Every structure is written in C-alpha cells, then in structure tokens.
Amino acid sequence: MSMSSHITELQKKHAELSDKVESYERHPGTDGLDIAMLKKQKLRLKEEISRLSS
C-alpha cells in the first residue's frame, strides 16, 4: 500500500468516526463515555494523518 493510499484510508476512517460521533450526539440516550472514546480515536487518526503528511 502506498503512503498516499494509506493516508486516504485514514481520512475515510476519520470521516466515518465523525459521522458516528454526530449521530451519537443527536441521540440523548448515548453514553458520554462512548462519544469520548470515539473522539479520542478521531484525534489519534488526525494526528497520524498529520504526521504522515508532513
């Protein structure tokens, strides 16, 4: 897998997590801990994308 395709895959995963977080935040019964874990995953992906892009 080339570096650019790896970064593209990471960006797709980041977008999927963003959609999931938004969906969870719209439902009042969602556990805040679940949302926090998803946001941490998003942050890790964003940091890795940034590190690989530079």
Foldseek 3Di string as FASTA:
>chain_A
DDLVVVLVVLVVVLVVLVVVLVVQVVDVVRDPVVSVVSVVVSVVSVVVSVVSVD
